[in-house]
Amino acid sequence: MKIIRVEADWCPECVVFMKSIWDEIQKQFPEVTMEIFDYDKDEEIKSQYNITKVPTFIFLSDSGEEIVRKKGIITKKEIIEIINQS
């Protein structure tokens, strides 16, 4: 599984709250690949995935198909449930 995380420096939820959760997730699920993109700098990703809000999280299967997309704050419990269902 791969998770695309789109955030912005000006978004307090992105920088403070979500970072600590994602550090924990990466330790718990080392097999999950995560790519982090900046909403203001990564225009190609923003366009490719039609990102309109930060934070946005896109969960992709190993074949690259979108499984789940979440906009806004997501809890650690929700992330774990999505990973375990995939």
PDB file of N, CA and C in Angstrom:
ATOM      1  N   MET A   1       0.839  -1.174   0.000  1.00  0.00           N
ATOM      2  CA  MET A   1       0.000   0.000   0.000  1.00  0.00           C
ATOM      3  C   MET A   1       0.884   1.237   0.000  1.00  0.00           C
ATOM      4  N   LYS A   2       0.337   2.279  -0.605  1.00  0.00           N
ATOM      5  CA  LYS A   2       1.024   3.564  -0.656  1.00  0.00           C
ATOM      6  C   LYS A   2       0.035   4.635  -0.210  1.00  0.00           C
ATOM      7  N   ILE A   3       0.524   5.580   0.574  1.00  0.00           N
ATOM      8  CA  ILE A   3      -0.311   6.684   1.018  1.00  0.00           C
ATOM      9  C   ILE A   3       0.304   7.979   0.510  1.00  0.00           C
ATOM     10  N   ILE A   4      -0.510   8.764  -0.164  1.00  0.00           N
ATOM     11  CA  ILE A   4      -0.090  10.086  -0.603  1.00  0.00           C
ATOM     12  C   ILE A   4      -0.708  11.088   0.366  1.00  0.00           C
ATOM     13  N   ARG A   5       0.142  11.900   0.934  1.00  0.00           N
ATOM     14  CA  ARG A   5      -0.296  12.907   1.909  1.00  0.00           C
ATOM     15  C   ARG A   5       0.039  14.280   1.335  1.00  0.00           C
ATOM     16  N   VAL A   6      -0.981  15.112   1.174  1.00  0.00           N
ATOM     17  CA  VAL A   6      -0.781  16.460   0.644  1.00  0.00           C
ATOM     18  C   VAL A   6      -1.093  17.441   1.771  1.00  0.00           C
ATOM     19  N   GLU A   7      -0.119  18.295   2.047  1.00  0.00           N
ATOM     20  CA  GLU A   7      -0.254  19.232   3.157  1.00  0.00           C
ATOM     21  C   GLU A   7       0.329  20.585   2.749  1.00  0.00           C
ATOM     22  N   ALA A   8       0.277  21.540   3.681  1.00  0.00           N
ATOM     23  CA  ALA A   8       0.830  22.879   3.434  1.00  0.00           C
ATOM     24  C   ALA A   8       1.455  23.400   4.716  1.00  0.00           C
ATOM     25  N   ASP A   9       2.497  24.206   4.568  1.00  0.00           N
ATOM     26  CA  ASP A   9       3.178  24.779   5.729  1.00  0.00           C
ATOM     27  C   ASP A   9       2.254  25.676   6.543  1.00  0.00           C
ATOM     28  N   TRP A  10       1.297  26.309   5.897  1.00  0.00           N
ATOM     29  CA  TRP A  10       0.396  27.241   6.568  1.00  0.00           C
ATOM     30  C   TRP A  10      -0.785  26.544   7.245  1.00  0.00           C
ATOM     31  N   CYS A  11      -0.858  25.235   7.138  1.00  0.00           N
ATOM     32  CA  CYS A  11      -1.969  24.457   7.705  1.00  0.00           C
ATOM     33  C   CYS A  11      -1.535  23.865   9.050  1.00  0.00           C
ATOM     34  N   PRO A  12      -2.013  24.420  10.177  1.00  0.00           N
ATOM     35  CA  PRO A  12      -1.565  23.921  11.485  1.00  0.00           C
ATOM     36  C   PRO A  12      -1.889  22.441  11.714  1.00  0.00           C
ATOM     37  N   GLU A  13      -3.040  21.987  11.218  1.00  0.00           N
ATOM     38  CA  GLU A  13      -3.394  20.576  11.376  1.00  0.00           C
ATOM     39  C   GLU A  13      -2.398  19.673  10.655  1.00  0.00           C
ATOM     40  N   CYS A  14      -1.944  20.128   9.496  1.00  0.00           N
ATOM     41  CA  CYS A  14      -0.995  19.347   8.698  1.00  0.00           C
ATOM     42  C   CYS A  14       0.341  19.216   9.421  1.00  0.00           C
ATOM     43  N   VAL A  15       0.836  20.330   9.893  1.00  0.00           N
ATOM     44  CA  VAL A  15       2.191  20.393  10.422  1.00  0.00           C
ATOM     45  C   VAL A  15       2.295  19.790  11.816  1.00  0.00           C
ATOM     46  N   VAL A  16       1.385  20.136  12.697  1.00  0.00           N
ATOM     47  CA  VAL A  16       1.505  19.728  14.094  1.00  0.00           C
ATOM     48  C   VAL A  16       0.800  18.401  14.364  1.00  0.00           C
ATOM     49  N   PHE A  17      -0.496  18.383  14.178  1.00  0.00           N
ATOM     50  CA  PHE A  17      -1.302  17.226  14.565  1.00  0.00           C
ATOM     51  C   PHE A  17      -1.006  15.984  13.732  1.00  0.00           C
ATOM     52  N   MET A  18      -1.051  16.124  12.430  1.00  0.00           N
ATOM     53  CA  MET A  18      -0.935  14.947  11.567  1.00  0.00           C
ATOM     54  C   MET A  18       0.471  14.362  11.549  1.00  0.00           C
ATOM     55  N   LYS A  19       1.496  15.179  11.690  1.00  0.00           N
ATOM     56  CA  LYS A  19       2.863  14.669  11.642  1.00  0.00           C
ATOM     57  C   LYS A  19       3.111  13.630  12.724  1.00  0.00           C
ATOM     58  N   SER A  20       2.674  13.900  13.935  1.00  0.00           N
ATOM     59  CA  SER A  20       2.918  12.946  15.022  1.00  0.00           C
ATOM     60  C   SER A  20       2.182  11.629  14.781  1.00  0.00           C
ATOM     61  N   ILE A  21       0.962  11.708  14.275  1.00  0.00           N
ATOM     62  CA  ILE A  21       0.209  10.486  13.973  1.00  0.00           C
ATOM     63  C   ILE A  21       0.919   9.685  12.887  1.00  0.00           C
ATOM     64  N   TRP A  22       1.377  10.363  11.836  1.00  0.00           N
ATOM     65  CA  TRP A  22       2.006   9.656  10.723  1.00  0.00           C
ATOM     66  C   TRP A  22       3.336   9.045  11.102  1.00  0.00           C
ATOM     67  N   ASP A  23       4.059   9.676  12.013  1.00  0.00           N
ATOM     68  CA  ASP A  23       5.307   9.072  12.498  1.00  0.00           C
ATOM     69  C   ASP A  23       4.998   7.739  13.183  1.00  0.00           C
ATOM     70  N   GLU A  24       3.936   7.713  13.969  1.00  0.00           N
ATOM     71  CA  GLU A  24       3.528   6.483  14.653  1.00  0.00           C
ATOM     72  C   GLU A  24       3.074   5.421  13.650  1.00  0.00           C
ATOM     73  N   ILE A  25       2.322   5.818  12.656  1.00  0.00           N
ATOM     74  CA  ILE A  25       1.833   4.883  11.634  1.00  0.00           C
ATOM     75  C   ILE A  25       3.005   4.256  10.882  1.00  0.00           C
ATOM     76  N   GLN A  26       3.992   5.061  10.529  1.00  0.00           N
ATOM     77  CA  GLN A  26       5.135   4.523   9.793  1.00  0.00           C
ATOM     78  C   GLN A  26       5.911   3.510  10.626  1.00  0.00           C
ATOM     79  N   LYS A  27       5.990   3.725  11.916  1.00  0.00           N
ATOM     80  CA  LYS A  27       6.673   2.759  12.788  1.00  0.00           C
ATOM     81  C   LYS A  27       5.865   1.468  12.898  1.00  0.00           C
ATOM     82  N   GLN A  28       4.549   1.602  12.994  1.00  0.00           N
ATOM     83  CA  GLN A  28       3.672   0.439  13.155  1.00  0.00           C
ATOM     84  C   GLN A  28       3.510  -0.356  11.856  1.00  0.00           C
ATOM     85  N   PHE A  29       3.559   0.325  10.714  1.00  0.00           N
ATOM     86  CA  PHE A  29       3.363  -0.318   9.421  1.00  0.00           C
ATOM     87  C   PHE A  29       4.513   0.033   8.477  1.00  0.00           C
ATOM     88  N   PRO A  30       5.696  -0.514   8.711  1.00  0.00           N
ATOM     89  CA  PRO A  30       6.851  -0.157   7.881  1.00  0.00           C
ATOM     90  C   PRO A  30       6.702  -0.560   6.414  1.00  0.00           C
ATOM     91  N   GLU A  31       5.790  -1.476   6.131  1.00  0.00           N
ATOM     92  CA  GLU A  31       5.594  -1.918   4.752  1.00  0.00           C
ATOM     93  C   GLU A  31       4.772  -0.925   3.931  1.00  0.00           C
ATOM     94  N   VAL A  32       4.159   0.049   4.587  1.00  0.00           N
ATOM     95  CA  VAL A  32       3.361   1.055   3.898  1.00  0.00           C
ATOM     96  C   VAL A  32       4.275   2.198   3.464  1.00  0.00           C
ATOM     97  N   THR A  33       4.242   2.504   2.181  1.00  0.00           N
ATOM     98  CA  THR A  33       5.035   3.598   1.635  1.00  0.00           C
ATOM     99  C   THR A  33       4.229   4.884   1.742  1.00  0.00           C
ATOM    100  N   MET A  34       4.888   5.957   2.163  1.00  0.00           N
ATOM    101  CA  MET A  34       4.207   7.234   2.257  1.00  0.00           C
ATOM    102  C   MET A  34       4.980   8.297   1.479  1.00  0.00           C
ATOM    103  N   GLU A  35       4.246   9.049   0.698  1.00  0.00           N
ATOM    104  CA  GLU A  35       4.837  10.175  -0.016  1.00  0.00           C
ATOM    105  C   GLU A  35       4.119  11.439   0.433  1.00  0.00           C
ATOM    106  N   ILE A  36       4.906  12.442   0.799  1.00  0.00           N
ATOM    107  CA  ILE A  36       4.359  13.697   1.293  1.00  0.00           C
ATOM    108  C   ILE A  36       4.623  14.787   0.250  1.00  0.00           C
ATOM    109  N   PHE A  37       3.562  15.525  -0.078  1.00  0.00           N
ATOM    110  CA  PHE A  37       3.672  16.591  -1.064  1.00  0.00           C
ATOM    111  C   PHE A  37       3.169  17.899  -0.480  1.00  0.00           C
ATOM    112  N   ASP A  38       3.744  18.988  -0.963  1.00  0.00           N
ATOM    113  CA  ASP A  38       3.363  20.324  -0.528  1.00  0.00           C
ATOM    114  C   ASP A  38       2.325  20.890  -1.490  1.00  0.00           C
ATOM    115  N   TYR A  39       1.199  21.282  -0.951  1.00  0.00           N
ATOM    116  CA  TYR A  39       0.082  21.799  -1.753  1.00  0.00           C
ATOM    117  C   TYR A  39       0.494  22.992  -2.618  1.00  0.00           C
ATOM    118  N   ASP A  40       1.343  23.847  -2.071  1.00  0.00           N
ATOM    119  CA  ASP A  40       1.726  25.061  -2.780  1.00  0.00           C
ATOM    120  C   ASP A  40       2.867  24.858  -3.772  1.00  0.00           C
ATOM    121  N   LYS A  41       3.636  23.799  -3.621  1.00  0.00           N
ATOM    122  CA  LYS A  41       4.820  23.612  -4.465  1.00  0.00           C
ATOM    123  C   LYS A  41       4.675  22.494  -5.490  1.00  0.00           C
ATOM    124  N   ASP A  42       3.857  21.500  -5.204  1.00  0.00           N
ATOM    125  CA  ASP A  42       3.754  20.325  -6.069  1.00  0.00           C
ATOM    126  C   ASP A  42       2.499  20.395  -6.940  1.00  0.00           C
ATOM    127  N   GLU A  43       2.528  21.301  -7.900  1.00  0.00           N
ATOM    128  CA  GLU A  43       1.376  21.531  -8.778  1.00  0.00           C
ATOM    129  C   GLU A  43       0.976  20.280  -9.562  1.00  0.00           C
ATOM    130  N   GLU A  44       1.960  19.503  -9.989  1.00  0.00           N
ATOM    131  CA  GLU A  44       1.668  18.303 -10.786  1.00  0.00           C
ATOM    132  C   GLU A  44       0.828  17.301  -9.990  1.00  0.00           C
ATOM    133  N   ILE A  45       1.210  17.064  -8.744  1.00  0.00           N
ATOM    134  CA  ILE A  45       0.459  16.127  -7.886  1.00  0.00           C
ATOM    135  C   ILE A  45      -0.919  16.688  -7.589  1.00  0.00           C
ATOM    136  N   LYS A  46      -0.975  17.971  -7.289  1.00  0.00           N
ATOM    137  CA  LYS A  46      -2.258  18.625  -6.996  1.00  0.00           C
ATOM    138  C   LYS A  46      -3.212  18.471  -8.176  1.00  0.00           C
ATOM    139  N   SER A  47      -2.697  18.639  -9.366  1.00  0.00           N
ATOM    140  CA  SER A  47      -3.514  18.503 -10.570  1.00  0.00           C
ATOM    141  C   SER A  47      -3.855  17.038 -10.852  1.00  0.00           C
ATOM    142  N   GLN A  48      -2.860  16.171 -10.750  1.00  0.00           N
ATOM    143  CA  GLN A  48      -3.054  14.747 -11.058  1.00  0.00           C
ATOM    144  C   GLN A  48      -4.133  14.124 -10.175  1.00  0.00           C
ATOM    145  N   TYR A  49      -4.140  14.484  -8.903  1.00  0.00           N
ATOM    146  CA  TYR A  49      -5.079  13.878  -7.957  1.00  0.00           C
ATOM    147  C   TYR A  49      -6.244  14.799  -7.599  1.00  0.00           C
ATOM    148  N   ASN A  50      -6.350  15.941  -8.292  1.00  0.00           N
ATOM    149  CA  ASN A  50      -7.439  16.887  -8.063  1.00  0.00           C
ATOM    150  C   ASN A  50      -7.571  17.251  -6.580  1.00  0.00           C
ATOM    151  N   ILE A  51      -6.487  17.738  -6.005  1.00  0.00           N
ATOM    152  CA  ILE A  51      -6.449  18.107  -4.599  1.00  0.00           C
ATOM    153  C   ILE A  51      -7.000  19.521  -4.442  1.00  0.00           C
ATOM    154  N   THR A  52      -8.024  19.677  -3.597  1.00  0.00           N
ATOM    155  CA  THR A  52      -8.635  20.990  -3.386  1.00  0.00           C
ATOM    156  C   THR A  52      -8.609  21.419  -1.928  1.00  0.00           C
ATOM    157  N   LYS A  53      -8.176  20.539  -1.034  1.00  0.00           N
ATOM    158  CA  LYS A  53      -8.183  20.839   0.394  1.00  0.00           C
ATOM    159  C   LYS A  53      -6.985  20.168   1.049  1.00  0.00           C
ATOM    160  N   VAL A  54      -6.457  20.817   2.090  1.00  0.00           N
ATOM    161  CA  VAL A  54      -5.390  20.191   2.867  1.00  0.00           C
ATOM    162  C   VAL A  54      -5.826  20.057   4.316  1.00  0.00           C
ATOM    163  N   PRO A  55      -5.391  19.013   4.962  1.00  0.00           N
ATOM    164  CA  PRO A  55      -4.670  17.891   4.384  1.00  0.00           C
ATOM    165  C   PRO A  55      -5.596  16.976   3.585  1.00  0.00           C
ATOM    166  N   THR A  56      -5.008  16.297   2.611  1.00  0.00           N
ATOM    167  CA  THR A  56      -5.693  15.254   1.854  1.00  0.00           C
ATOM    168  C   THR A  56      -4.828  14.009   1.892  1.00  0.00           C
ATOM    169  N   PHE A  57      -5.461  12.872   2.094  1.00  0.00           N
ATOM    170  CA  PHE A  57      -4.771  11.588   2.160  1.00  0.00           C
ATOM    171  C   PHE A  57      -5.384  10.652   1.137  1.00  0.00           C
ATOM    172  N   ILE A  58      -4.536  10.090   0.287  1.00  0.00           N
ATOM    173  CA  ILE A  58      -5.005   9.157  -0.737  1.00  0.00           C
ATOM    174  C   ILE A  58      -4.316   7.826  -0.497  1.00  0.00           C
ATOM    175  N   PHE A  59      -5.105   6.804  -0.270  1.00  0.00           N
ATOM    176  CA  PHE A  59      -4.602   5.454  -0.027  1.00  0.00           C
ATOM    177  C   PHE A  59      -4.677   4.686  -1.335  1.00  0.00           C
ATOM    178  N   LEU A  60      -3.528   4.173  -1.787  1.00  0.00           N
ATOM    179  CA  LEU A  60      -3.445   3.463  -3.061  1.00  0.00           C
ATOM    180  C   LEU A  60      -3.080   2.004  -2.840  1.00  0.00           C
ATOM    181  N   SER A  61      -3.636   1.142  -3.664  1.00  0.00           N
ATOM    182  CA  SER A  61      -3.270  -0.271  -3.625  1.00  0.00           C
ATOM    183  C   SER A  61      -1.861  -0.433  -4.184  1.00  0.00           C
ATOM    184  N   ASP A  62      -1.314  -1.625  -4.058  1.00  0.00           N
ATOM    185  CA  ASP A  62       0.023  -1.890  -4.603  1.00  0.00           C
ATOM    186  C   ASP A  62       0.064  -1.699  -6.118  1.00  0.00           C
ATOM    187  N   SER A  63      -1.081  -1.846  -6.771  1.00  0.00           N
ATOM    188  CA  SER A  63      -1.135  -1.657  -8.225  1.00  0.00           C
ATOM    189  C   SER A  63      -1.376  -0.192  -8.610  1.00  0.00           C
ATOM    190  N   GLY A  64      -1.520   0.689  -7.608  1.00  0.00           N
ATOM    191  CA  GLY A  64      -1.685   2.107  -7.877  1.00  0.00           C
ATOM    192  C   GLY A  64      -3.111   2.596  -7.961  1.00  0.00           C
ATOM    193  N   GLU A  65      -4.077   1.725  -7.679  1.00  0.00           N
ATOM    194  CA  GLU A  65      -5.482   2.123  -7.726  1.00  0.00           C
ATOM    195  C   GLU A  65      -5.874   2.809  -6.424  1.00  0.00           C
ATOM    196  N   GLU A  66      -6.656   3.878  -6.546  1.00  0.00           N
ATOM    197  CA  GLU A  66      -7.110   4.593  -5.357  1.00  0.00           C
ATOM    198  C   GLU A  66      -8.122   3.741  -4.595  1.00  0.00           C
ATOM    199  N   ILE A  67      -7.850   3.543  -3.316  1.00  0.00           N
ATOM    200  CA  ILE A  67      -8.740   2.762  -2.454  1.00  0.00           C
ATOM    201  C   ILE A  67      -9.652   3.701  -1.673  1.00  0.00           C
ATOM    202  N   VAL A  68      -9.029   4.684  -1.019  1.00  0.00           N
ATOM    203  CA  VAL A  68      -9.759   5.623  -0.162  1.00  0.00           C
ATOM    204  C   VAL A  68      -9.119   6.994  -0.287  1.00  0.00           C
ATOM    205  N   ARG A  69      -9.953   8.024  -0.207  1.00  0.00           N
ATOM    206  CA  ARG A  69      -9.470   9.411  -0.171  1.00  0.00           C
ATOM    207  C   ARG A  69     -10.138  10.085   1.018  1.00  0.00           C
ATOM    208  N   LYS A  70      -9.333  10.745   1.832  1.00  0.00           N
ATOM    209  CA  LYS A  70      -9.841  11.473   2.985  1.00  0.00           C
ATOM    210  C   LYS A  70      -9.334  12.905   2.919  1.00  0.00           C
ATOM    211  N   LYS A  71     -10.231  13.838   3.165  1.00  0.00           N
ATOM    212  CA  LYS A  71      -9.873  15.252   3.213  1.00  0.00           C
ATOM    213  C   LYS A  71     -10.055  15.743   4.640  1.00  0.00           C
ATOM    214  N   GLY A  72      -9.114  16.557   5.089  1.00  0.00           N
ATOM    215  CA  GLY A  72      -9.197  17.076   6.449  1.00  0.00           C
ATOM    216  C   GLY A  72      -8.539  16.124   7.435  1.00  0.00           C
ATOM    217  N   ILE A  73      -8.786  16.388   8.691  1.00  0.00           N
ATOM    218  CA  ILE A  73      -8.171  15.594   9.757  1.00  0.00           C
ATOM    219  C   ILE A  73      -8.687  14.162   9.707  1.00  0.00           C
ATOM    220  N   ILE A  74      -7.769  13.237   9.926  1.00  0.00           N
ATOM    221  CA  ILE A  74      -8.100  11.814   9.977  1.00  0.00           C
ATOM    222  C   ILE A  74      -7.455  11.257  11.246  1.00  0.00           C
ATOM    223  N   THR A  75      -8.169  10.404  11.931  1.00  0.00           N
ATOM    224  CA  THR A  75      -7.643   9.873  13.185  1.00  0.00           C
ATOM    225  C   THR A  75      -6.712   8.683  12.924  1.00  0.00           C
ATOM    226  N   LYS A  76      -5.903   8.407  13.899  1.00  0.00           N
ATOM    227  CA  LYS A  76      -5.000   7.253  13.812  1.00  0.00           C
ATOM    228  C   LYS A  76      -5.815   5.974  13.652  1.00  0.00           C
ATOM    229  N   LYS A  77      -6.923   5.882  14.379  1.00  0.00           N
ATOM    230  CA  LYS A  77      -7.794   4.702  14.294  1.00  0.00           C
ATOM    231  C   LYS A  77      -8.319   4.513  12.871  1.00  0.00           C
ATOM    232  N   GLU A  78      -8.735   5.602  12.226  1.00  0.00           N
ATOM    233  CA  GLU A  78      -9.235   5.526  10.840  1.00  0.00           C
ATOM    234  C   GLU A  78      -8.135   5.047   9.890  1.00  0.00           C
ATOM    235  N   ILE A  79      -6.937   5.569  10.080  1.00  0.00           N
ATOM    236  CA  ILE A  79      -5.811   5.183   9.220  1.00  0.00           C
ATOM    237  C   ILE A  79      -5.537   3.690   9.363  1.00  0.00           C
ATOM    238  N   ILE A  80      -5.493   3.216  10.592  1.00  0.00           N
ATOM    239  CA  ILE A  80      -5.224   1.801  10.842  1.00  0.00           C
ATOM    240  C   ILE A  80      -6.314   0.925  10.236  1.00  0.00           C
ATOM    241  N   GLU A  81      -7.568   1.339  10.359  1.00  0.00           N
ATOM    242  CA  GLU A  81      -8.673   0.572   9.771  1.00  0.00           C
ATOM    243  C   GLU A  81      -8.529   0.481   8.248  1.00  0.00           C
ATOM    244  N   ILE A  82      -8.174   1.583   7.621  1.00  0.00           N
ATOM    245  CA  ILE A  82      -8.005   1.573   6.156  1.00  0.00           C
ATOM    246  C   ILE A  82      -6.867   0.650   5.764  1.00  0.00           C
ATOM    247  N   ILE A  83      -5.755   0.733   6.455  1.00  0.00           N
ATOM    248  CA  ILE A  83      -4.602  -0.131   6.152  1.00  0.00           C
ATOM    249  C   ILE A  83      -4.967  -1.599   6.334  1.00  0.00           C
ATOM    250  N   ASN A  84      -5.640  -1.922   7.428  1.00  0.00           N
ATOM    251  CA  ASN A  84      -5.995  -3.315   7.712  1.00  0.00           C
ATOM    252  C   ASN A  84      -7.043  -3.870   6.758  1.00  0.00           C
ATOM    253  N   GLN A  85      -7.872  -3.035   6.181  1.00  0.00           N
ATOM    254  CA  GLN A  85      -8.898  -3.491   5.235  1.00  0.00           C
ATOM    255  C   GLN A  85      -8.349  -3.703   3.839  1.00  0.00           C
ATOM    256  N   SER A  86      -7.171  -3.217   3.592  1.00  0.00           N
ATOM    257  CA  SER A  86      -6.600  -3.299   2.237  1.00  0.00           C
ATOM    258  C   SER A  86      -5.865  -4.601   2.003  1.00  0.00           C
TER     259      SER A  86
END
